[in-house]
Amino acid sequence: MQSLIGTGVALVTPFKKDLSVDVEALKKIVHYQIDNGIDYLVILGTTAENATLDDQEKELVIKTIIDANNDRLPLVLGVGGNDTHQVVTELKTRDLSPFVAILSVSPYYNKPTQEGIYQHFKAIAQASSIPVILYNVPGRTASNILPSTVIRLATDFKNIVAIKEAAGDVVQAMKLLQRKPKDFLVISGDDMVTLPIIFAGGSGVISVIGEGFPKQTSDMVRLALQNKVKESYELHYLLLDSIDMIFEQGNPAGIKEIFKSLGLSENTVRLPLVNVDENLAKRLHEELEKINGM
């Protein structure tokens, strides 16, 4: 899918100091992505603090982003969970027409076998009226979707079109790239290894750092997709320290501190997440000034 090649960003949910959803800040964040070259937007992923949003808040976030985007960029919706029946029910009852695909995380907490993971995504593929992006993030789910399972799913279900691969294992990504169906996309879900995955045959990134530095990140990915190795790595190394910093004390606490420095939103997160400490906040602010000053 051409619309999923390049740089997508997993949007945060900005909160006011009273912990309510900050609609105006969310609109600003959407405009900031569009104005600075991002290729598509991902709604209600992990970075959105999806686990702490109730159903009414999720609908507010979705509507706000759709309205602010105004059909300018493709939209991907996060629809996942560890109760297969619940995910399938949502897919069958939700209007998916505003979205080019769903992003569905591998079941967490349950720790299913590879066959269990296959059957979970089989049910999702059969229920979804739009393409499906698998999301492999073992650091959060406690289970890894092996390349053999991904290949099996991609081969058996034509609407499973891509994977957001966030295992942090470049060798695993290369094995997947070696064997995948021709049109199946491997998208980096780990900012630190975006370029190695692209140069091995990947199609881009669903990024967190890209929200805070959308121009630099989207330029880096475009250069990489044009096989401009030296130029893309110059931008990668420019962003390298900031990538470490935004995850140092948890996501999205780090990227929300960047947004506070940019004047786009408060840095508020919901428990059990907490704000970054003063030391990291100072370093993030200095890094932001350094990068945007270049």
C-alpha atoms as a PDB file:
ATOM      1  CA  MET A   1       0.000   0.000   0.000  1.00  0.00           C
ATOM      2  CA  GLN A   2       1.536   3.229  -1.213  1.00  0.00           C
ATOM      3  CA  SER A   3      -0.169   5.245   1.533  1.00  0.00           C
ATOM      4  CA  LEU A   4       1.820   3.353   4.199  1.00  0.00           C
ATOM      5  CA  ILE A   5       5.254   4.014   2.687  1.00  0.00           C
ATOM      6  CA  GLY A   6       7.279   6.706   4.451  1.00  0.00           C
ATOM      7  CA  THR A   7       6.806   8.208   7.893  1.00  0.00           C
ATOM      8  CA  GLY A   8       3.757   7.638  10.035  1.00  0.00           C
ATOM      9  CA  VAL A   9       3.539   8.987  13.563  1.00  0.00           C
ATOM     10  CA  ALA A  10       1.780   7.430  16.552  1.00  0.00           C
ATOM     11  CA  LEU A  11      -0.094  10.451  17.880  1.00  0.00           C
ATOM     12  CA  VAL A  12      -0.185  11.263  21.586  1.00  0.00           C
ATOM     13  CA  THR A  13      -3.379  12.203  23.406  1.00  0.00           C
ATOM     14  CA  PRO A  14      -2.707  15.587  25.003  1.00  0.00           C
ATOM     15  CA  PHE A  15      -4.333  16.209  28.372  1.00  0.00           C
ATOM     16  CA  LYS A  16      -5.113  19.405  30.234  1.00  0.00           C
ATOM     17  CA  LYS A  17      -3.833  19.804  33.784  1.00  0.00           C
ATOM     18  CA  ASP A  18      -7.148  18.413  35.030  1.00  0.00           C
ATOM     19  CA  LEU A  19      -6.433  15.232  32.974  1.00  0.00           C
ATOM     20  CA  SER A  20      -9.247  15.821  30.477  1.00  0.00           C
ATOM     21  CA  VAL A  21      -8.514  15.431  26.755  1.00  0.00           C
ATOM     22  CA  ASP A  22      -7.160  18.678  25.328  1.00  0.00           C
ATOM     23  CA  VAL A  23      -8.959  18.936  21.994  1.00  0.00           C
ATOM     24  CA  GLU A  24      -7.352  22.210  20.906  1.00  0.00           C
ATOM     25  CA  ALA A  25      -3.843  20.906  21.637  1.00  0.00           C
ATOM     26  CA  LEU A  26      -4.585  17.742  19.662  1.00  0.00           C
ATOM     27  CA  LYS A  27      -5.614  19.850  16.667  1.00  0.00           C
ATOM     28  CA  LYS A  28      -2.333  21.800  16.914  1.00  0.00           C
ATOM     29  CA  ILE A  29      -0.342  18.568  17.031  1.00  0.00           C
ATOM     30  CA  VAL A  30      -2.110  17.226  13.933  1.00  0.00           C
ATOM     31  CA  HIS A  31      -1.428  20.459  12.024  1.00  0.00           C
ATOM     32  CA  TYR A  32       2.220  20.370  13.144  1.00  0.00           C
ATOM     33  CA  GLN A  33       2.659  16.893  11.645  1.00  0.00           C
ATOM     34  CA  ILE A  34       1.007  17.798   8.368  1.00  0.00           C
ATOM     35  CA  ASP A  35       2.888  21.085   7.999  1.00  0.00           C
ATOM     36  CA  ASN A  36       6.242  19.349   8.498  1.00  0.00           C
ATOM     37  CA  GLY A  37       6.051  16.520   5.997  1.00  0.00           C
ATOM     38  CA  ILE A  38       4.648  13.478   7.840  1.00  0.00           C
ATOM     39  CA  ASP A  39       3.062  10.946   5.446  1.00  0.00           C
ATOM     40  CA  TYR A  40       0.298   9.398   7.578  1.00  0.00           C
ATOM     41  CA  LEU A  41      -1.156   9.538  11.094  1.00  0.00           C
ATOM     42  CA  VAL A  42      -1.760   6.660  13.509  1.00  0.00           C
ATOM     43  CA  ILE A  43      -4.622   7.138  15.977  1.00  0.00           C
ATOM     44  CA  LEU A  44      -5.017   5.384  19.360  1.00  0.00           C
ATOM     45  CA  GLY A  45      -1.763   3.459  19.442  1.00  0.00           C
ATOM     46  CA  THR A  46       0.295   2.823  22.573  1.00  0.00           C
ATOM     47  CA  THR A  47       1.686   6.381  22.479  1.00  0.00           C
ATOM     48  CA  ALA A  48      -1.885   7.723  22.738  1.00  0.00           C
ATOM     49  CA  GLU A  49      -2.142   6.264  26.271  1.00  0.00           C
ATOM     50  CA  ASN A  50      -4.955   4.219  24.813  1.00  0.00           C
ATOM     51  CA  ALA A  51      -5.065   1.981  27.903  1.00  0.00           C
ATOM     52  CA  THR A  52      -6.218   4.880  30.092  1.00  0.00           C
ATOM     53  CA  LEU A  53      -8.848   6.348  27.744  1.00  0.00           C
ATOM     54  CA  ASP A  54     -12.500   5.435  28.188  1.00  0.00           C
ATOM     55  CA  ASP A  55     -14.741   4.755  25.174  1.00  0.00           C
ATOM     56  CA  GLN A  56     -16.152   8.281  25.086  1.00  0.00           C
ATOM     57  CA  GLU A  57     -12.659   9.801  25.140  1.00  0.00           C
ATOM     58  CA  LYS A  58     -11.504   7.494  22.367  1.00  0.00           C
ATOM     59  CA  GLU A  59     -14.386   8.654  20.185  1.00  0.00           C
ATOM     60  CA  LEU A  60     -13.494  12.283  20.961  1.00  0.00           C
ATOM     61  CA  VAL A  61      -9.858  11.682  19.966  1.00  0.00           C
ATOM     62  CA  ILE A  62     -10.869   9.966  16.726  1.00  0.00           C
ATOM     63  CA  LYS A  63     -13.329  12.706  15.735  1.00  0.00           C
ATOM     64  CA  THR A  64     -10.894  15.501  16.601  1.00  0.00           C
ATOM     65  CA  ILE A  65      -8.112  14.019  14.486  1.00  0.00           C
ATOM     66  CA  ILE A  66     -10.400  13.260  11.530  1.00  0.00           C
ATOM     67  CA  ASP A  67     -11.735  16.827  11.590  1.00  0.00           C
ATOM     68  CA  ALA A  68      -8.313  18.454  12.008  1.00  0.00           C
ATOM     69  CA  ASN A  69      -6.773  16.303   9.290  1.00  0.00           C
ATOM     70  CA  ASN A  70      -9.571  17.216   6.862  1.00  0.00           C
ATOM     71  CA  ASP A  71      -8.637  14.409   4.422  1.00  0.00           C
ATOM     72  CA  ARG A  72      -5.081  15.698   3.999  1.00  0.00           C
ATOM     73  CA  LEU A  73      -3.190  12.594   5.188  1.00  0.00           C
ATOM     74  CA  PRO A  74      -4.095   8.896   5.333  1.00  0.00           C
ATOM     75  CA  LEU A  75      -5.270   7.777   8.773  1.00  0.00           C
ATOM     76  CA  VAL A  76      -4.581   4.456  10.509  1.00  0.00           C
ATOM     77  CA  LEU A  77      -6.663   3.432  13.528  1.00  0.00           C
ATOM     78  CA  GLY A  78      -5.355   1.333  16.396  1.00  0.00           C
ATOM     79  CA  VAL A  79      -7.806  -1.506  17.050  1.00  0.00           C
ATOM     80  CA  GLY A  80      -6.305  -4.236  19.183  1.00  0.00           C
ATOM     81  CA  GLY A  81      -6.381  -6.024  22.486  1.00  0.00           C
ATOM     82  CA  ASN A  82      -5.994  -9.354  24.217  1.00  0.00           C
ATOM     83  CA  ASP A  83      -9.647 -10.365  23.958  1.00  0.00           C
ATOM     84  CA  THR A  84     -10.112 -11.530  20.364  1.00  0.00           C
ATOM     85  CA  HIS A  85     -13.902 -11.472  20.597  1.00  0.00           C
ATOM     86  CA  GLN A  86     -13.934  -7.857  21.788  1.00  0.00           C
ATOM     87  CA  VAL A  87     -11.605  -6.736  18.968  1.00  0.00           C
ATOM     88  CA  VAL A  88     -13.694  -8.548  16.354  1.00  0.00           C
ATOM     89  CA  THR A  89     -16.887  -6.991  17.745  1.00  0.00           C
ATOM     90  CA  GLU A  90     -15.393  -3.508  17.478  1.00  0.00           C
ATOM     91  CA  LEU A  91     -14.300  -4.135  13.894  1.00  0.00           C
ATOM     92  CA  LYS A  92     -17.772  -5.307  12.929  1.00  0.00           C
ATOM     93  CA  THR A  93     -19.580  -2.382  14.554  1.00  0.00           C
ATOM     94  CA  ARG A  94     -17.259   0.586  13.929  1.00  0.00           C
ATOM     95  CA  ASP A  95     -17.352   2.746  10.790  1.00  0.00           C
ATOM     96  CA  LEU A  96     -13.873   2.173   9.342  1.00  0.00           C
ATOM     97  CA  SER A  97     -14.404   4.241   6.183  1.00  0.00           C
ATOM     98  CA  PRO A  98     -12.231   7.207   7.326  1.00  0.00           C
ATOM     99  CA  PHE A  99      -9.174   4.946   7.663  1.00  0.00           C
ATOM    100  CA  VAL A 100      -6.811   3.299   5.180  1.00  0.00           C
ATOM    101  CA  ALA A 101      -5.922   0.505   7.625  1.00  0.00           C
ATOM    102  CA  ILE A 102      -6.100  -0.654  11.212  1.00  0.00           C
ATOM    103  CA  LEU A 103      -3.042  -1.264  13.375  1.00  0.00           C
ATOM    104  CA  SER A 104      -3.583  -4.253  15.647  1.00  0.00           C
ATOM    105  CA  VAL A 105      -1.188  -5.188  18.427  1.00  0.00           C
ATOM    106  CA  SER A 106      -0.323  -8.784  19.216  1.00  0.00           C
ATOM    107  CA  PRO A 107      -2.278  -9.977  22.293  1.00  0.00           C
ATOM    108  CA  TYR A 108      -0.581  -8.887  25.509  1.00  0.00           C
ATOM    109  CA  TYR A 109      -0.619 -10.462  28.982  1.00  0.00           C
ATOM    110  CA  ASN A 110      -2.183 -13.754  27.815  1.00  0.00           C
ATOM    111  CA  LYS A 111       1.154 -14.847  26.239  1.00  0.00           C
ATOM    112  CA  PRO A 112      -0.400 -16.928  23.432  1.00  0.00           C
ATOM    113  CA  THR A 113       1.493 -19.510  21.392  1.00  0.00           C
ATOM    114  CA  GLN A 114       2.334 -18.795  17.752  1.00  0.00           C
ATOM    115  CA  GLU A 115      -0.802 -20.733  16.788  1.00  0.00           C
ATOM    116  CA  GLY A 116      -2.829 -18.590  19.180  1.00  0.00           C
ATOM    117  CA  ILE A 117      -1.386 -15.428  17.617  1.00  0.00           C
ATOM    118  CA  TYR A 118      -2.211 -16.786  14.148  1.00  0.00           C
ATOM    119  CA  GLN A 119      -5.806 -17.581  15.100  1.00  0.00           C
ATOM    120  CA  HIS A 120      -6.229 -14.157  16.749  1.00  0.00           C
ATOM    121  CA  PHE A 121      -5.151 -12.305  13.610  1.00  0.00           C
ATOM    122  CA  LYS A 122      -7.092 -14.694  11.387  1.00  0.00           C
ATOM    123  CA  ALA A 123     -10.258 -13.640  13.213  1.00  0.00           C
ATOM    124  CA  ILE A 124      -9.296  -9.966  12.883  1.00  0.00           C
ATOM    125  CA  ALA A 125      -8.516 -10.284   9.159  1.00  0.00           C
ATOM    126  CA  GLN A 126     -11.864 -11.949   8.543  1.00  0.00           C
ATOM    127  CA  ALA A 127     -13.728  -9.263  10.511  1.00  0.00           C
ATOM    128  CA  SER A 128     -11.987  -6.167   9.127  1.00  0.00           C
ATOM    129  CA  SER A 129     -13.382  -4.358   6.097  1.00  0.00           C
ATOM    130  CA  ILE A 130     -10.071  -2.532   5.584  1.00  0.00           C
ATOM    131  CA  PRO A 131      -6.397  -3.621   5.466  1.00  0.00           C
ATOM    132  CA  VAL A 132      -4.676  -4.806   8.638  1.00  0.00           C
ATOM    133  CA  ILE A 133      -1.209  -3.874   9.918  1.00  0.00           C
ATOM    134  CA  LEU A 134       0.164  -6.336  12.466  1.00  0.00           C
ATOM    135  CA  TYR A 135       1.992  -4.793  15.421  1.00  0.00           C
ATOM    136  CA  ASN A 136       4.806  -6.772  17.014  1.00  0.00           C
ATOM    137  CA  VAL A 137       6.164  -5.210  20.206  1.00  0.00           C
ATOM    138  CA  PRO A 138       7.422  -7.977  22.533  1.00  0.00           C
ATOM    139  CA  GLY A 139       8.657  -5.480  25.113  1.00  0.00           C
ATOM    140  CA  ARG A 140       5.014  -4.612  25.841  1.00  0.00           C
ATOM    141  CA  THR A 141       3.175  -7.833  24.961  1.00  0.00           C
ATOM    142  CA  ALA A 142       5.554 -10.474  26.424  1.00  0.00           C
ATOM    143  CA  SER A 143       5.260 -12.487  23.205  1.00  0.00           C
ATOM    144  CA  ASN A 144       7.038 -12.238  19.862  1.00  0.00           C
ATOM    145  CA  ILE A 145       5.359 -12.766  16.489  1.00  0.00           C
ATOM    146  CA  LEU A 146       7.937 -14.942  14.746  1.00  0.00           C
ATOM    147  CA  PRO A 147       8.701 -14.334  11.059  1.00  0.00           C
ATOM    148  CA  SER A 148       7.184 -17.721  10.183  1.00  0.00           C
ATOM    149  CA  THR A 149       3.867 -16.659  11.727  1.00  0.00           C
ATOM    150  CA  VAL A 150       3.932 -13.281   9.970  1.00  0.00           C
ATOM    151  CA  ILE A 151       4.626 -14.972   6.620  1.00  0.00           C
ATOM    152  CA  ARG A 152       1.808 -17.440   7.216  1.00  0.00           C
ATOM    153  CA  LEU A 153      -0.638 -14.635   8.004  1.00  0.00           C
ATOM    154  CA  ALA A 154       0.503 -12.474   5.082  1.00  0.00           C
ATOM    155  CA  THR A 155       0.160 -15.418   2.708  1.00  0.00           C
ATOM    156  CA  ASP A 156      -3.220 -16.625   3.949  1.00  0.00           C
ATOM    157  CA  PHE A 157      -4.969 -13.248   4.260  1.00  0.00           C
ATOM    158  CA  LYS A 158      -4.537 -10.678   1.513  1.00  0.00           C
ATOM    159  CA  ASN A 159      -5.877  -7.878   3.683  1.00  0.00           C
ATOM    160  CA  ILE A 160      -2.994  -8.342   6.134  1.00  0.00           C
ATOM    161  CA  VAL A 161      -0.752  -5.930   4.270  1.00  0.00           C
ATOM    162  CA  ALA A 162       2.024  -4.891   6.670  1.00  0.00           C
ATOM    163  CA  ILE A 163       3.690  -5.264  10.037  1.00  0.00           C
ATOM    164  CA  LYS A 164       4.921  -2.623  12.440  1.00  0.00           C
ATOM    165  CA  GLU A 165       8.018  -4.461  13.632  1.00  0.00           C
ATOM    166  CA  ALA A 166       9.154  -3.212  17.036  1.00  0.00           C
ATOM    167  CA  ALA A 167      11.049  -6.206  18.390  1.00  0.00           C
ATOM    168  CA  GLY A 168      14.290  -4.206  18.172  1.00  0.00           C
ATOM    169  CA  ASP A 169      15.861  -7.192  16.402  1.00  0.00           C
ATOM    170  CA  VAL A 170      17.309  -6.288  13.011  1.00  0.00           C
ATOM    171  CA  VAL A 171      18.179  -9.920  12.257  1.00  0.00           C
ATOM    172  CA  GLN A 172      14.555 -10.938  12.795  1.00  0.00           C
ATOM    173  CA  ALA A 173      13.452  -8.080  10.536  1.00  0.00           C
ATOM    174  CA  MET A 174      15.874  -9.210   7.825  1.00  0.00           C
ATOM    175  CA  LYS A 175      14.571 -12.788   7.969  1.00  0.00           C
ATOM    176  CA  LEU A 176      11.082 -11.405   7.542  1.00  0.00           C
ATOM    177  CA  LEU A 177      12.139  -9.182   4.641  1.00  0.00           C
ATOM    178  CA  GLN A 178      13.867 -12.130   2.987  1.00  0.00           C
ATOM    179  CA  ARG A 179      10.743 -14.286   2.934  1.00  0.00           C
ATOM    180  CA  LYS A 180       7.771 -11.930   2.859  1.00  0.00           C
ATOM    181  CA  PRO A 181       5.282 -11.767  -0.020  1.00  0.00           C
ATOM    182  CA  LYS A 182       6.285  -9.144  -2.580  1.00  0.00           C
ATOM    183  CA  ASP A 183       3.753  -6.457  -1.679  1.00  0.00           C
ATOM    184  CA  PHE A 184       3.798  -7.004   2.095  1.00  0.00           C
ATOM    185  CA  LEU A 185       5.319  -4.023   3.946  1.00  0.00           C
ATOM    186  CA  VAL A 186       7.737  -4.199   6.858  1.00  0.00           C
ATOM    187  CA  ILE A 187       7.507  -0.931   8.800  1.00  0.00           C
ATOM    188  CA  SER A 188       9.947  -0.111  11.577  1.00  0.00           C
ATOM    189  CA  GLY A 189       8.291   0.415  14.937  1.00  0.00           C
ATOM    190  CA  ASP A 190      11.565   1.301  16.639  1.00  0.00           C
ATOM    191  CA  ASP A 191      13.026   4.736  15.876  1.00  0.00           C
ATOM    192  CA  MET A 192      16.572   3.626  16.587  1.00  0.00           C
ATOM    193  CA  VAL A 193      16.639   0.966  13.831  1.00  0.00           C
ATOM    194  CA  THR A 194      14.514   2.690  11.194  1.00  0.00           C
ATOM    195  CA  LEU A 195      17.366   3.130   8.730  1.00  0.00           C
ATOM    196  CA  PRO A 196      18.800  -0.414   8.978  1.00  0.00           C
ATOM    197  CA  ILE A 197      15.307  -1.786   8.347  1.00  0.00           C
ATOM    198  CA  ILE A 198      14.689   0.527   5.384  1.00  0.00           C
ATOM    199  CA  PHE A 199      18.050  -0.266   3.798  1.00  0.00           C
ATOM    200  CA  ALA A 200      17.347  -3.978   4.267  1.00  0.00           C
ATOM    201  CA  GLY A 201      14.107  -3.561   2.307  1.00  0.00           C
ATOM    202  CA  GLY A 202      11.645  -1.977   4.740  1.00  0.00           C
ATOM    203  CA  SER A 203       9.146   0.689   3.760  1.00  0.00           C
ATOM    204  CA  GLY A 204       9.415   3.308   6.504  1.00  0.00           C
ATOM    205  CA  VAL A 205       8.545   3.864  10.138  1.00  0.00           C
ATOM    206  CA  ILE A 206       5.671   4.439  12.523  1.00  0.00           C
ATOM    207  CA  SER A 207       7.540   6.839  14.737  1.00  0.00           C
ATOM    208  CA  VAL A 208       7.419   8.503  18.133  1.00  0.00           C
ATOM    209  CA  ILE A 209      10.402  10.844  17.683  1.00  0.00           C
ATOM    210  CA  GLY A 210       8.830  11.899  14.390  1.00  0.00           C
ATOM    211  CA  GLU A 211       6.076  13.714  16.297  1.00  0.00           C
ATOM    212  CA  GLY A 212       8.538  16.019  17.997  1.00  0.00           C
ATOM    213  CA  PHE A 213      10.829  16.361  14.980  1.00  0.00           C
ATOM    214  CA  PRO A 214       8.536  15.702  12.009  1.00  0.00           C
ATOM    215  CA  LYS A 215      10.588  17.520   9.373  1.00  0.00           C
ATOM    216  CA  GLN A 216      13.904  15.909  10.271  1.00  0.00           C
ATOM    217  CA  THR A 217      12.382  12.445  10.626  1.00  0.00           C
ATOM    218  CA  SER A 218      10.332  12.526   7.434  1.00  0.00           C
ATOM    219  CA  ASP A 219      13.305  13.949   5.493  1.00  0.00           C
ATOM    220  CA  MET A 220      15.518  11.159   6.883  1.00  0.00           C
ATOM    221  CA  VAL A 221      13.073   8.465   5.780  1.00  0.00           C
ATOM    222  CA  ARG A 222      12.583   9.969   2.314  1.00  0.00           C
ATOM    223  CA  LEU A 223      16.323  10.104   1.791  1.00  0.00           C
ATOM    224  CA  ALA A 224      16.660   6.493   2.933  1.00  0.00           C
ATOM    225  CA  LEU A 225      13.906   5.346   0.569  1.00  0.00           C
ATOM    226  CA  GLN A 226      15.864   7.085  -2.210  1.00  0.00           C
ATOM    227  CA  ASN A 227      18.897   5.027  -1.089  1.00  0.00           C
ATOM    228  CA  LYS A 228      20.792   8.153  -0.035  1.00  0.00           C
ATOM    229  CA  VAL A 229      22.696   6.478   2.765  1.00  0.00           C
ATOM    230  CA  LYS A 230      25.078   9.212   3.866  1.00  0.00           C
ATOM    231  CA  GLU A 231      22.485  11.985   3.859  1.00  0.00           C
ATOM    232  CA  SER A 232      19.886   9.960   5.752  1.00  0.00           C
ATOM    233  CA  TYR A 233      22.371   8.854   8.397  1.00  0.00           C
ATOM    234  CA  GLU A 234      23.385  12.466   8.998  1.00  0.00           C
ATOM    235  CA  LEU A 235      19.819  13.140  10.106  1.00  0.00           C
ATOM    236  CA  HIS A 236      19.673   9.875  12.067  1.00  0.00           C
ATOM    237  CA  TYR A 237      22.731  10.852  14.091  1.00  0.00           C
ATOM    238  CA  LEU A 238      21.306  14.330  14.595  1.00  0.00           C
ATOM    239  CA  LEU A 239      18.240  12.706  16.221  1.00  0.00           C
ATOM    240  CA  LEU A 240      20.056   9.851  17.969  1.00  0.00           C
ATOM    241  CA  ASP A 241      20.393  11.364  21.449  1.00  0.00           C
ATOM    242  CA  SER A 242      16.831  12.648  21.417  1.00  0.00           C
ATOM    243  CA  ILE A 243      15.505   9.152  20.642  1.00  0.00           C
ATOM    244  CA  ASP A 244      17.224   7.787  23.733  1.00  0.00           C
ATOM    245  CA  MET A 245      15.962  10.690  25.818  1.00  0.00           C
ATOM    246  CA  ILE A 246      12.265  10.460  24.918  1.00  0.00           C
ATOM    247  CA  PHE A 247      12.136   6.822  26.003  1.00  0.00           C
ATOM    248  CA  GLU A 248      14.444   7.190  29.025  1.00  0.00           C
ATOM    249  CA  GLN A 249      11.595   7.663  31.506  1.00  0.00           C
ATOM    250  CA  GLY A 250       8.747   6.160  29.538  1.00  0.00           C
ATOM    251  CA  ASN A 251       6.656   6.846  26.476  1.00  0.00           C
ATOM    252  CA  PRO A 252       4.876   9.228  25.934  1.00  0.00           C
ATOM    253  CA  ALA A 253       6.212  11.227  28.900  1.00  0.00           C
ATOM    254  CA  GLY A 254       9.333  12.160  26.929  1.00  0.00           C
ATOM    255  CA  ILE A 255       7.611  13.227  23.729  1.00  0.00           C
ATOM    256  CA  LYS A 256       5.010  15.180  25.708  1.00  0.00           C
ATOM    257  CA  GLU A 257       7.826  17.155  27.312  1.00  0.00           C
ATOM    258  CA  ILE A 258       8.995  18.022  23.776  1.00  0.00           C
ATOM    259  CA  PHE A 259       5.478  19.218  22.926  1.00  0.00           C
ATOM    260  CA  LYS A 260       5.450  21.378  26.064  1.00  0.00           C
ATOM    261  CA  SER A 261       8.731  22.958  24.974  1.00  0.00           C
ATOM    262  CA  LEU A 262       7.260  23.571  21.513  1.00  0.00           C
ATOM    263  CA  GLY A 263       4.191  25.218  23.065  1.00  0.00           C
ATOM    264  CA  LEU A 264       1.821  22.681  21.507  1.00  0.00           C
ATOM    265  CA  SER A 265       0.421  21.038  24.646  1.00  0.00           C
ATOM    266  CA  GLU A 266       0.870  20.404  28.350  1.00  0.00           C
ATOM    267  CA  ASN A 267       3.206  17.583  29.388  1.00  0.00           C
ATOM    268  CA  THR A 268       0.435  15.871  31.389  1.00  0.00           C
ATOM    269  CA  VAL A 269       0.265  12.062  31.426  1.00  0.00           C
ATOM    270  CA  ARG A 270      -2.138   9.753  33.244  1.00  0.00           C
ATOM    271  CA  LEU A 271      -1.165   7.324  35.976  1.00  0.00           C
ATOM    272  CA  PRO A 272       0.475   4.877  36.111  1.00  0.00           C
ATOM    273  CA  LEU A 273       2.721   7.041  33.895  1.00  0.00           C
ATOM    274  CA  VAL A 274       4.397  10.077  35.436  1.00  0.00           C
ATOM    275  CA  ASN A 275       6.129  13.140  34.032  1.00  0.00           C
ATOM    276  CA  VAL A 276       9.833  13.114  33.269  1.00  0.00           C
ATOM    277  CA  ASP A 277      11.987  14.566  36.034  1.00  0.00           C
ATOM    278  CA  GLU A 278      13.501  18.057  35.959  1.00  0.00           C
ATOM    279  CA  ASN A 279      16.894  16.835  34.793  1.00  0.00           C
ATOM    280  CA  LEU A 280      15.507  15.036  31.747  1.00  0.00           C
ATOM    281  CA  ALA A 281      13.115  17.888  30.978  1.00  0.00           C
ATOM    282  CA  LYS A 282      16.078  20.292  30.879  1.00  0.00           C
ATOM    283  CA  ARG A 283      18.079  17.972  28.618  1.00  0.00           C
ATOM    284  CA  LEU A 284      15.126  17.498  26.263  1.00  0.00           C
ATOM    285  CA  HIS A 285      14.621  21.253  26.018  1.00  0.00           C
ATOM    286  CA  GLU A 286      18.322  21.759  25.232  1.00  0.00           C
ATOM    287  CA  GLU A 287      18.247  18.987  22.620  1.00  0.00           C
ATOM    288  CA  LEU A 288      15.183  20.523  20.995  1.00  0.00           C
ATOM    289  CA  GLU A 289      16.892  23.907  20.743  1.00  0.00           C
ATOM    290  CA  LYS A 290      20.042  22.281  19.321  1.00  0.00           C
ATOM    291  CA  ILE A 291      18.250  20.269  16.636  1.00  0.00           C
ATOM    292  CA  ASN A 292      15.789  22.969  15.562  1.00  0.00           C
ATOM    293  CA  GLY A 293      18.596  25.511  15.536  1.00  0.00           C
ATOM    294  CA  MET A 294      20.520  23.610  12.866  1.00  0.00           C
END
